[in-house]
Amino acid sequence: MDLDTLTAAMHAFVESKGWYRPDSPRPQTPRNLAISLVLEASEVLEHYQWRDEPVDKASLAGELADVMLYLMQLASISDIDLGQAVMDKLNVNYGRTWDQPADE
């Protein structure tokens, strides 16, 4: 499944809950979405707290999906082509090295 299809499905879900309405109790602002993204990423960490492997892979998959949904929504409402951003970042990273101290 491609990123555009996933993004459209995410927007359809958010619309169905009324979260894009001005009077929504869950305003879908970039700030709120960024906070939610970090909170969901923290829930991914819980699966590894005190262990090397997650106990419940299906639950981990659900948390990873939550992270991706918030990331896609934040990118979309910020008018960022996430697919292009990933490709651009990969191109930058090809020119980087990680085996040298940061101040060099």
N, C-alpha and C. Protein backbone atom coordinates (compact mmCIF):
# COMPACT_ATOMS: atom_id res chain seq x y z
N MET A 1 0.85 -1.18 0.00
CA MET A 1 0.00 0.00 0.00
C MET A 1 0.90 1.24 0.00
N ASP A 2 0.53 2.25 -0.78
CA ASP A 2 1.39 3.43 -0.88
C ASP A 2 1.01 4.49 0.16
N LEU A 3 1.92 5.43 0.34
CA LEU A 3 1.75 6.46 1.36
C LEU A 3 0.53 7.35 1.11
N ASP A 4 0.24 7.64 -0.15
CA ASP A 4 -0.93 8.47 -0.46
C ASP A 4 -2.22 7.79 -0.04
N THR A 5 -2.31 6.48 -0.27
CA THR A 5 -3.51 5.72 0.12
C THR A 5 -3.65 5.70 1.64
N LEU A 6 -2.54 5.48 2.33
CA LEU A 6 -2.58 5.48 3.80
C LEU A 6 -2.96 6.85 4.35
N THR A 7 -2.41 7.91 3.75
CA THR A 7 -2.73 9.26 4.21
C THR A 7 -4.21 9.57 3.99
N ALA A 8 -4.74 9.18 2.85
CA ALA A 8 -6.17 9.41 2.58
C ALA A 8 -7.03 8.66 3.58
N ALA A 9 -6.67 7.43 3.91
CA ALA A 9 -7.43 6.64 4.89
C ALA A 9 -7.35 7.28 6.26
N MET A 10 -6.18 7.81 6.62
CA MET A 10 -6.01 8.49 7.91
C MET A 10 -6.90 9.72 7.96
N HIS A 11 -6.90 10.54 6.89
CA HIS A 11 -7.75 11.74 6.88
C HIS A 11 -9.24 11.37 6.96
N ALA A 12 -9.63 10.31 6.27
CA ALA A 12 -11.03 9.87 6.31
C ALA A 12 -11.42 9.49 7.74
N PHE A 13 -10.53 8.81 8.45
CA PHE A 13 -10.80 8.43 9.84
C PHE A 13 -10.95 9.68 10.72
N VAL A 14 -9.98 10.61 10.61
CA VAL A 14 -10.01 11.81 11.44
C VAL A 14 -11.28 12.61 11.14
N GLU A 15 -11.64 12.74 9.88
CA GLU A 15 -12.88 13.42 9.50
C GLU A 15 -14.09 12.73 10.11
N SER A 16 -14.10 11.40 10.08
CA SER A 16 -15.26 10.65 10.59
C SER A 16 -15.46 10.87 12.10
N LYS A 17 -14.40 11.18 12.80
CA LYS A 17 -14.48 11.45 14.24
C LYS A 17 -14.78 12.91 14.54
N GLY A 18 -14.76 13.76 13.50
CA GLY A 18 -15.04 15.17 13.69
C GLY A 18 -13.88 15.97 14.25
N TRP A 19 -12.69 15.42 14.21
CA TRP A 19 -11.54 16.07 14.83
C TRP A 19 -10.98 17.23 14.02
N TYR A 20 -11.44 17.40 12.77
CA TYR A 20 -11.01 18.56 11.99
C TYR A 20 -11.98 19.73 12.15
N ARG A 21 -13.11 19.51 12.81
CA ARG A 21 -14.06 20.59 13.01
C ARG A 21 -13.48 21.65 13.96
N PRO A 22 -13.82 22.92 13.75
CA PRO A 22 -13.30 23.99 14.62
C PRO A 22 -13.64 23.81 16.09
N ASP A 23 -14.77 23.17 16.39
CA ASP A 23 -15.19 23.00 17.78
C ASP A 23 -14.75 21.65 18.36
N SER A 24 -13.83 20.97 17.71
CA SER A 24 -13.39 19.66 18.17
C SER A 24 -12.69 19.75 19.53
N PRO A 25 -12.98 18.79 20.42
CA PRO A 25 -12.25 18.75 21.69
C PRO A 25 -10.80 18.25 21.51
N ARG A 26 -10.50 17.79 20.31
CA ARG A 26 -9.15 17.32 19.97
C ARG A 26 -8.65 18.06 18.72
N PRO A 27 -8.32 19.35 18.87
CA PRO A 27 -7.90 20.13 17.71
C PRO A 27 -6.65 19.51 17.07
N GLN A 28 -6.71 19.34 15.78
CA GLN A 28 -5.63 18.69 15.04
C GLN A 28 -4.62 19.73 14.56
N THR A 29 -3.98 20.40 15.51
CA THR A 29 -2.98 21.41 15.19
C THR A 29 -1.61 20.74 15.09
N PRO A 30 -0.67 21.37 14.39
CA PRO A 30 0.67 20.79 14.33
C PRO A 30 1.27 20.55 15.72
N ARG A 31 1.08 21.49 16.63
CA ARG A 31 1.59 21.33 18.00
C ARG A 31 0.99 20.10 18.67
N ASN A 32 -0.33 19.98 18.62
CA ASN A 32 -0.99 18.84 19.26
C ASN A 32 -0.58 17.52 18.63
N LEU A 33 -0.43 17.52 17.32
CA LEU A 33 -0.02 16.29 16.63
C LEU A 33 1.42 15.92 16.96
N ALA A 34 2.30 16.92 17.07
CA ALA A 34 3.69 16.65 17.43
C ALA A 34 3.77 16.05 18.84
N ILE A 35 2.98 16.60 19.75
CA ILE A 35 2.94 16.06 21.12
C ILE A 35 2.43 14.62 21.10
N SER A 36 1.36 14.39 20.37
CA SER A 36 0.78 13.04 20.30
C SER A 36 1.76 12.05 19.67
N LEU A 37 2.50 12.50 18.67
CA LEU A 37 3.49 11.65 18.02
C LEU A 37 4.54 11.18 19.03
N VAL A 38 5.04 12.10 19.84
CA VAL A 38 6.05 11.74 20.83
C VAL A 38 5.46 10.83 21.92
N LEU A 39 4.25 11.11 22.34
CA LEU A 39 3.60 10.26 23.34
C LEU A 39 3.44 8.83 22.82
N GLU A 40 3.02 8.69 21.58
CA GLU A 40 2.86 7.36 21.00
C GLU A 40 4.21 6.66 20.84
N ALA A 41 5.24 7.42 20.45
CA ALA A 41 6.58 6.83 20.35
C ALA A 41 7.05 6.31 21.71
N SER A 42 6.68 7.01 22.76
CA SER A 42 7.03 6.55 24.11
C SER A 42 6.32 5.24 24.44
N GLU A 43 5.13 5.07 23.93
CA GLU A 43 4.42 3.81 24.15
C GLU A 43 5.11 2.65 23.45
N VAL A 44 5.80 2.93 22.34
CA VAL A 44 6.61 1.90 21.69
C VAL A 44 7.72 1.46 22.65
N LEU A 45 8.34 2.41 23.33
CA LEU A 45 9.42 2.09 24.27
C LEU A 45 8.95 1.18 25.40
N GLU A 46 7.72 1.34 25.81
CA GLU A 46 7.21 0.50 26.90
C GLU A 46 7.30 -0.99 26.57
N HIS A 47 7.23 -1.32 25.31
CA HIS A 47 7.30 -2.73 24.92
C HIS A 47 8.69 -3.32 25.13
N TYR A 48 9.67 -2.46 25.30
CA TYR A 48 11.05 -2.91 25.48
C TYR A 48 11.59 -2.63 26.88
N GLN A 49 10.75 -2.02 27.72
CA GLN A 49 11.20 -1.73 29.08
C GLN A 49 11.43 -3.04 29.83
N TRP A 50 12.63 -3.24 30.29
CA TRP A 50 13.06 -4.39 31.08
C TRP A 50 13.18 -5.67 30.26
N ARG A 51 13.17 -5.57 28.95
CA ARG A 51 13.31 -6.78 28.13
C ARG A 51 13.90 -6.41 26.76
N ASP A 52 14.43 -7.39 26.08
CA ASP A 52 15.02 -7.16 24.76
C ASP A 52 14.03 -7.38 23.62
N GLU A 53 12.97 -8.10 23.87
CA GLU A 53 11.96 -8.39 22.85
C GLU A 53 10.58 -8.05 23.40
N PRO A 54 9.69 -7.57 22.54
CA PRO A 54 8.32 -7.28 23.02
C PRO A 54 7.58 -8.56 23.35
N VAL A 55 6.74 -8.49 24.37
CA VAL A 55 5.93 -9.64 24.78
C VAL A 55 4.77 -9.84 23.81
N ASP A 56 4.17 -8.76 23.38
CA ASP A 56 2.98 -8.82 22.54
C ASP A 56 3.25 -8.09 21.22
N LYS A 57 3.59 -8.83 20.20
CA LYS A 57 3.95 -8.24 18.91
C LYS A 57 2.78 -7.50 18.27
N ALA A 58 1.57 -7.99 18.45
CA ALA A 58 0.39 -7.32 17.89
C ALA A 58 0.18 -5.96 18.55
N SER A 59 0.41 -5.88 19.84
CA SER A 59 0.28 -4.61 20.54
C SER A 59 1.37 -3.63 20.09
N LEU A 60 2.58 -4.13 19.91
CA LEU A 60 3.66 -3.30 19.38
C LEU A 60 3.30 -2.78 17.99
N ALA A 61 2.75 -3.64 17.15
CA ALA A 61 2.34 -3.23 15.81
C ALA A 61 1.32 -2.10 15.88
N GLY A 62 0.39 -2.18 16.81
CA GLY A 62 -0.61 -1.14 16.99
C GLY A 62 0.03 0.19 17.40
N GLU A 63 1.02 0.14 18.27
CA GLU A 63 1.70 1.37 18.69
C GLU A 63 2.51 1.96 17.54
N LEU A 64 3.17 1.11 16.76
CA LEU A 64 3.91 1.60 15.59
C LEU A 64 2.96 2.24 14.58
N ALA A 65 1.78 1.66 14.43
CA ALA A 65 0.78 2.24 13.53
C ALA A 65 0.33 3.60 14.04
N ASP A 66 0.13 3.73 15.35
CA ASP A 66 -0.25 5.04 15.92
C ASP A 66 0.82 6.09 15.61
N VAL A 67 2.09 5.71 15.78
CA VAL A 67 3.19 6.64 15.47
C VAL A 67 3.12 7.07 14.00
N MET A 68 2.94 6.10 13.12
CA MET A 68 2.90 6.41 11.70
C MET A 68 1.70 7.29 11.35
N LEU A 69 0.56 7.01 11.95
CA LEU A 69 -0.63 7.82 11.69
C LEU A 69 -0.42 9.28 12.08
N TYR A 70 0.12 9.51 13.28
CA TYR A 70 0.38 10.89 13.70
C TYR A 70 1.44 11.55 12.82
N LEU A 71 2.47 10.80 12.43
CA LEU A 71 3.51 11.34 11.56
C LEU A 71 2.94 11.74 10.20
N MET A 72 2.13 10.86 9.63
CA MET A 72 1.52 11.17 8.34
C MET A 72 0.61 12.39 8.43
N GLN A 73 -0.17 12.47 9.51
CA GLN A 73 -1.08 13.60 9.65
C GLN A 73 -0.33 14.90 9.86
N LEU A 74 0.71 14.88 10.68
CA LEU A 74 1.50 16.08 10.91
C LEU A 74 2.15 16.55 9.62
N ALA A 75 2.71 15.62 8.86
CA ALA A 75 3.33 15.99 7.58
C ALA A 75 2.27 16.56 6.64
N SER A 76 1.12 15.92 6.56
CA SER A 76 0.09 16.33 5.62
C SER A 76 -0.44 17.72 5.93
N ILE A 77 -0.79 17.99 7.18
CA ILE A 77 -1.35 19.30 7.50
C ILE A 77 -0.27 20.39 7.50
N SER A 78 0.99 19.98 7.53
CA SER A 78 2.10 20.93 7.43
C SER A 78 2.55 21.11 5.99
N ASP A 79 1.80 20.49 5.08
CA ASP A 79 2.08 20.57 3.64
C ASP A 79 3.50 20.08 3.31
N ILE A 80 3.85 18.95 3.90
CA ILE A 80 5.14 18.31 3.64
C ILE A 80 4.87 16.98 2.96
N ASP A 81 5.52 16.78 1.83
CA ASP A 81 5.45 15.50 1.12
C ASP A 81 6.38 14.55 1.86
N LEU A 82 5.81 13.70 2.69
CA LEU A 82 6.61 12.83 3.55
C LEU A 82 7.48 11.88 2.74
N GLY A 83 6.96 11.34 1.67
CA GLY A 83 7.76 10.46 0.83
C GLY A 83 8.97 11.17 0.27
N GLN A 84 8.77 12.39 -0.23
CA GLN A 84 9.89 13.17 -0.76
C GLN A 84 10.85 13.56 0.35
N ALA A 85 10.32 13.90 1.52
CA ALA A 85 11.18 14.26 2.65
C ALA A 85 12.08 13.09 3.03
N VAL A 86 11.53 11.88 3.01
CA VAL A 86 12.33 10.69 3.31
C VAL A 86 13.44 10.52 2.28
N MET A 87 13.09 10.65 1.01
CA MET A 87 14.09 10.49 -0.05
C MET A 87 15.17 11.57 0.05
N ASP A 88 14.76 12.80 0.34
CA ASP A 88 15.72 13.89 0.50
C ASP A 88 16.66 13.61 1.67
N LYS A 89 16.09 13.14 2.77
CA LYS A 89 16.92 12.86 3.96
C LYS A 89 17.87 11.70 3.70
N LEU A 90 17.41 10.68 2.99
CA LEU A 90 18.30 9.58 2.64
C LEU A 90 19.47 10.07 1.79
N ASN A 91 19.20 10.97 0.84
CA ASN A 91 20.27 11.53 0.01
C ASN A 91 21.28 12.29 0.86
N VAL A 92 20.81 13.05 1.84
CA VAL A 92 21.71 13.75 2.76
C VAL A 92 22.51 12.74 3.56
N ASN A 93 21.83 11.72 4.06
CA ASN A 93 22.50 10.74 4.92
C ASN A 93 23.56 9.93 4.19
N TYR A 94 23.39 9.72 2.90
CA TYR A 94 24.42 9.01 2.14
C TYR A 94 25.76 9.73 2.21
N GLY A 95 25.72 11.04 2.35
CA GLY A 95 26.95 11.82 2.42
C GLY A 95 27.50 11.99 3.82
N ARG A 96 26.80 11.47 4.80
CA ARG A 96 27.23 11.61 6.20
C ARG A 96 28.00 10.39 6.66
N THR A 97 28.77 10.59 7.70
CA THR A 97 29.40 9.46 8.38
C THR A 97 29.04 9.57 9.86
N TRP A 98 28.98 8.45 10.50
CA TRP A 98 28.61 8.42 11.91
C TRP A 98 29.75 7.91 12.79
N ASP A 99 30.89 7.64 12.19
CA ASP A 99 31.99 7.09 12.98
C ASP A 99 33.00 8.14 13.40
N GLN A 100 32.65 9.43 13.23
CA GLN A 100 33.51 10.52 13.65
C GLN A 100 32.81 11.32 14.72
N PRO A 101 33.57 11.93 15.64
CA PRO A 101 32.92 12.80 16.66
C PRO A 101 32.12 13.90 15.99
N ALA A 102 31.08 14.33 16.65
CA ALA A 102 30.14 15.31 16.10
C ALA A 102 30.79 16.66 15.81
N ASP A 103 31.86 17.02 16.55
CA ASP A 103 32.45 18.33 16.36
C ASP A 103 33.46 18.39 15.21
N GLU A 104 33.68 17.30 14.52
CA GLU A 104 34.61 17.29 13.38
C GLU A 104 33.91 17.58 12.08
